Protein backbone atom coordinates (compact mmCIF):
# COMPACT_ATOMS: atom_id res chain seq x y z
CA MET A 1 119.79 63.36 96.29
CA GLN A 2 123.47 64.13 96.57
CA VAL A 3 126.64 63.73 98.62
CA VAL A 4 128.47 66.96 99.41
CA LEU A 5 132.10 67.11 100.60
CA ASP A 6 133.35 70.28 102.23
CA GLY A 7 137.00 70.69 103.23
CA LEU A 8 137.54 66.90 103.33
CA GLU A 9 140.87 65.89 104.88
CA VAL A 10 142.29 62.42 105.48
CA ARG A 11 145.55 61.88 107.42
CA TYR A 12 147.57 58.79 108.24
CA GLY A 13 149.76 59.89 111.05
CA ALA A 14 151.94 62.71 109.78
CA ARG A 15 151.05 62.07 106.15
CA THR A 16 148.15 63.88 104.52
CA ALA A 17 146.34 61.79 101.90
CA VAL A 18 143.48 64.18 101.09
CA THR A 19 143.31 67.83 101.88
CA GLY A 20 140.69 70.55 101.44
CA VAL A 21 138.49 68.70 98.95
CA GLY A 22 135.13 70.28 98.21
CA LEU A 23 132.94 68.34 95.83
CA ALA A 24 129.38 67.27 95.17
CA ALA A 25 128.19 63.94 93.72
CA ARG A 26 124.62 64.11 92.43
CA GLY A 27 121.91 61.55 91.94
CA GLY A 28 121.62 60.14 88.43
CA GLU A 29 125.21 60.95 87.53
CA VAL A 30 128.47 59.00 87.50
CA LEU A 31 131.33 60.96 89.06
CA ALA A 32 134.77 59.55 88.14
CA LEU A 33 137.71 60.10 90.47
CA VAL A 34 140.88 60.17 88.46
CA GLY A 35 144.53 60.99 89.22
CA PRO A 36 147.97 59.44 89.43
CA ASN A 37 148.82 56.69 91.89
CA GLY A 38 148.81 57.99 95.48
CA SER A 39 146.58 60.99 94.63
CA GLY A 40 144.04 60.17 97.32
CA LYS A 41 141.22 58.48 95.35
CA SER A 42 140.88 55.45 97.58
CA SER A 43 141.19 57.46 100.78
CA LEU A 44 138.45 59.84 99.63
CA LEU A 45 136.13 56.91 98.82
CA ARG A 46 136.79 55.24 102.16
CA ALA A 47 136.01 58.55 103.97
CA VAL A 48 132.70 58.91 102.13
CA ALA A 49 131.87 55.27 102.93
CA GLY A 50 132.37 55.97 106.62
CA LEU A 51 135.37 53.60 106.84
CA GLN A 52 138.02 56.23 107.32
CA ARG A 53 138.30 59.02 109.92
CA HIS A 54 138.44 62.42 108.33
CA GLY A 55 138.29 66.17 108.85
CA GLY A 56 135.83 68.45 107.12
CA SER A 57 132.35 67.20 106.36
CA VAL A 58 130.54 64.58 104.26
CA VAL A 59 126.81 65.42 104.03
CA PHE A 60 124.27 62.95 102.63
CA GLU A 61 121.29 64.89 101.31
CA GLY A 62 118.18 62.78 100.72
CA VAL A 63 120.06 59.51 101.09
CA PRO A 64 118.23 56.80 103.08
CA ARG A 65 119.86 55.39 106.17
CA GLY A 66 122.03 52.42 105.36
CA GLY A 67 121.89 53.29 101.66
CA ILE A 68 125.62 53.18 100.90
CA GLY A 69 127.28 50.43 98.92
CA PHE A 70 131.07 50.30 98.79
CA MET A 71 133.26 48.02 96.73
CA PRO A 72 136.93 48.32 97.75
CA GLN A 73 139.79 47.75 95.37
CA ASP A 74 140.69 44.44 97.01
CA SER A 75 137.54 42.77 98.35
CA GLY A 76 139.26 39.50 99.26
CA ALA A 77 137.52 36.17 98.98
CA ARG A 78 135.57 34.01 101.39
CA THR A 79 136.80 30.69 100.03
CA GLY A 80 134.10 28.64 101.73
CA LEU A 81 131.19 30.37 100.01
CA THR A 82 129.71 29.95 96.58
CA VAL A 83 129.14 32.90 94.27
CA LEU A 84 125.41 32.87 94.98
CA GLU A 85 125.99 32.81 98.77
CA THR A 86 128.45 35.72 98.47
CA VAL A 87 125.92 37.79 96.56
CA LEU A 88 123.18 36.95 99.11
CA LEU A 89 125.40 38.38 101.82
CA GLY A 90 124.91 41.76 100.14
CA ARG A 91 121.32 41.62 101.52
CA HIS A 92 121.91 39.68 104.72
CA ARG A 93 124.81 40.02 107.18
CA ALA A 94 124.57 36.29 107.85
CA LEU A 95 123.02 33.38 105.99
CA GLY A 96 120.46 31.35 107.96
CA TRP A 97 119.26 27.81 107.27
CA ARG A 98 116.52 29.08 105.02
CA VAL A 99 116.79 31.95 102.55
CA PRO A 100 113.50 33.14 100.96
CA ALA A 101 113.11 32.09 97.37
CA ALA A 102 112.50 35.71 96.38
CA GLU A 103 115.92 36.68 97.75
CA VAL A 104 117.60 33.87 95.76
CA ALA A 105 115.76 34.96 92.62
CA ARG A 106 116.82 38.58 93.13
CA ALA A 107 120.44 37.54 93.55
CA GLY A 108 120.17 35.48 90.38
CA ASP A 109 118.81 38.50 88.51
CA VAL A 110 121.87 40.54 89.54
CA LEU A 111 124.22 37.76 88.46
CA ARG A 112 122.50 37.54 85.09
CA SER A 113 122.75 41.34 84.60
CA LEU A 114 126.51 41.01 84.94
CA GLY A 115 126.74 37.95 82.72
CA ILE A 116 128.01 35.69 85.47
CA ALA A 117 124.93 33.61 86.37
CA HIS A 118 126.79 30.49 85.18
CA LEU A 119 129.18 30.91 88.09
CA ALA A 120 126.45 30.82 90.78
CA ALA A 121 127.45 27.37 92.24
CA ARG A 122 131.20 27.91 92.00
CA PRO A 123 133.23 28.48 95.18
CA ILE A 124 134.43 32.04 94.99
CA GLY A 125 137.98 30.98 95.92
CA GLU A 126 138.24 29.09 92.60
CA LEU A 127 137.51 32.20 90.44
CA SER A 128 139.92 34.44 88.63
CA GLY A 129 140.55 37.95 89.94
CA GLY A 130 138.33 39.46 87.28
CA GLN A 131 135.49 37.06 88.00
CA ARG A 132 135.73 37.79 91.77
CA GLN A 133 135.57 41.48 90.95
CA MET A 134 132.30 40.97 89.09
CA VAL A 135 130.92 38.88 92.02
CA PHE A 136 131.69 41.52 94.61
CA LEU A 137 130.06 44.17 92.39
CA ALA A 138 127.02 41.90 92.26
CA GLN A 139 127.09 41.69 96.06
CA VAL A 140 127.01 45.48 96.34
CA LEU A 141 124.28 45.87 93.75
CA ALA A 142 122.15 43.17 95.40
CA ALA A 143 121.78 45.48 98.46
CA GLU A 144 120.14 48.09 96.19
CA PRO A 145 122.13 51.05 97.57
CA ALA A 146 121.29 54.72 96.88
CA VAL A 147 124.98 55.63 96.93
CA LEU A 148 127.40 53.45 94.97
CA LEU A 149 131.13 53.82 95.69
CA LEU A 150 133.48 51.75 93.51
CA ASP A 151 137.27 51.65 93.90
CA GLU A 152 138.96 50.55 90.68
CA PRO A 153 136.14 48.15 89.69
CA THR A 154 137.74 47.26 86.35
CA SER A 155 141.36 46.79 87.42
CA ALA A 156 141.28 42.99 86.94
CA LEU A 157 138.91 42.86 83.95
CA ASP A 158 139.60 42.37 80.29
CA ILE A 159 138.42 45.14 77.96
CA ARG A 160 135.11 43.52 77.10
CA HIS A 161 134.03 42.93 80.65
CA ALA A 162 135.32 46.37 81.73
CA LEU A 163 133.11 48.02 79.08
CA GLN A 164 130.17 45.83 80.13
CA LEU A 165 130.58 46.65 83.79
CA LEU A 166 130.92 50.42 83.29
CA ALA A 167 127.95 50.51 80.94
CA LEU A 168 125.83 48.64 83.47
CA VAL A 169 126.90 51.00 86.31
CA ARG A 170 126.06 54.04 84.14
CA ASP A 171 122.68 52.66 83.11
CA LEU A 172 121.73 51.69 86.68
CA THR A 173 122.85 55.10 87.94
CA ARG A 174 120.57 56.86 85.48
CA ALA A 175 117.63 54.47 85.79
CA ARG A 176 117.61 54.47 89.65
CA GLY A 177 118.94 57.97 90.28
CA LEU A 178 121.95 56.63 92.19
CA VAL A 179 124.79 58.75 93.49
CA THR A 180 127.74 56.89 91.90
CA VAL A 181 131.41 57.64 92.50
CA VAL A 182 134.05 55.52 90.70
CA ALA A 183 137.77 55.71 91.23
CA ILE A 184 139.41 54.67 87.97
CA HIS A 185 142.83 54.93 86.24
CA ASP A 186 141.66 54.62 82.68
CA LEU A 187 141.05 58.15 81.48
CA ASN A 188 139.44 57.11 78.23
CA ALA A 189 136.96 54.84 80.06
CA ALA A 190 136.27 57.62 82.56
CA ALA A 191 135.58 60.12 79.80
CA ARG A 192 133.27 57.70 78.03
CA PHE A 193 131.12 56.56 81.00
CA ALA A 194 131.27 59.40 83.52
CA ASP A 195 129.04 62.46 83.50
CA ARG A 196 131.53 64.43 85.55
CA MET A 197 135.13 63.95 86.69
CA ALA A 198 137.21 65.04 89.65
CA LEU A 199 140.95 65.13 89.11
CA LEU A 200 143.18 64.65 92.18
CA ARG A 201 146.90 65.14 92.66
CA ASP A 202 148.72 64.75 95.95
CA GLY A 203 145.39 64.73 97.76
CA ARG A 204 144.23 68.01 96.30
CA LEU A 205 141.36 68.61 93.88
CA MET A 206 142.95 70.02 90.70
CA ALA A 207 139.85 70.18 88.47
CA ALA A 208 136.22 69.10 88.42
CA GLY A 209 133.52 69.20 85.76
CA PRO A 210 132.51 67.43 82.56
CA PRO A 211 135.22 65.29 80.92
CA ASP A 212 135.93 67.84 78.14
CA ALA A 213 136.63 70.52 80.75
CA VAL A 214 138.83 68.38 82.97
CA LEU A 215 140.84 66.42 80.45
CA THR A 216 142.75 69.10 78.61
CA GLU A 217 146.26 68.60 77.19
CA ALA A 218 147.65 71.20 79.60
CA THR A 219 146.03 69.61 82.63
CA ILE A 220 147.18 66.12 81.70
CA ALA A 221 150.72 67.39 81.22
CA GLU A 222 150.63 69.21 84.59
CA VAL A 223 149.09 66.41 86.66
CA TYR A 224 150.37 63.23 84.99
CA ARG A 225 153.62 64.60 83.44
CA VAL A 226 152.55 63.05 80.11
CA ALA A 227 152.26 64.65 76.65
CA ALA A 228 148.89 63.67 75.13
CA HIS A 229 146.63 64.60 72.26
CA VAL A 230 143.04 65.21 73.37
CA HIS A 231 140.33 65.12 70.77
CA VAL A 232 136.67 64.28 70.29
CA ALA A 233 136.11 60.78 68.95
CA PRO A 234 133.54 60.16 66.16
CA ASP A 235 131.02 58.99 68.78
CA GLY A 236 131.25 62.33 70.57
CA HIS A 237 133.30 61.27 73.58
CA VAL A 238 136.57 62.82 74.66
CA ALA A 239 139.58 60.61 73.79
CA ILE A 240 143.15 60.85 75.01
CA SER A 241 146.15 59.59 73.02
CA PRO A 242 149.31 59.77 75.16
CA SER A 243 152.58 60.11 73.26
CA ARG A 244 155.46 60.34 75.75
CA ALA A 245 156.38 60.85 79.39
CA LEU A 246 157.59 64.32 80.32
CA ALA A 247 160.59 65.01 82.54
CA ASP A 248 159.92 65.35 86.30
CA ARG A 249 159.96 68.82 87.67
């Protein structure tokens, strides 16, 4: 199972957000989309999710119909619903008078896996931004998608919950053979949890491959205009230590 992009292009009027991107996301692997602000990560994800008109092609090989789960950067909040009701909407477009006990139990399992089962009865409008982010991830996971598209899923999370979330996503991806694409700003987190990375700048694909091939000192300087020391941490993961901003060209 995989998702293959060929010549993907996204335009907003006269502005080109993504151009000429060719990329494959494979089952059982986490692909991290990285790049500076405005590099086209969110536009690419929305195009793959079918929410954004685009040129080129997005081909789903071996993906079941309706098997795409997308978590946008800003999911909003339905203030009248509880956390449990919000998660149940991941499996049902509308909640009826009766919800099967098995569905409630399954939603509870997802909440427990994310460490937020204690929030089940809370109105979602009362939660912090980070808590809401975890709830909307639970909603996506409850639908049991084959393709998981996450746009900045850790942006509102503290370091502990960010690590917990990314580890869960990685483990689910490997256990279920999911096609998982995550847009993320934190290069160290991406290097730790992603199997492969795709580096974008100004809507163009600058590099793709395993973290140690993509995150070189020269590439970071070129794309981010930052001087950084790249090394292998004691646990074997690539680590980036930025030192200073470089002058604009």
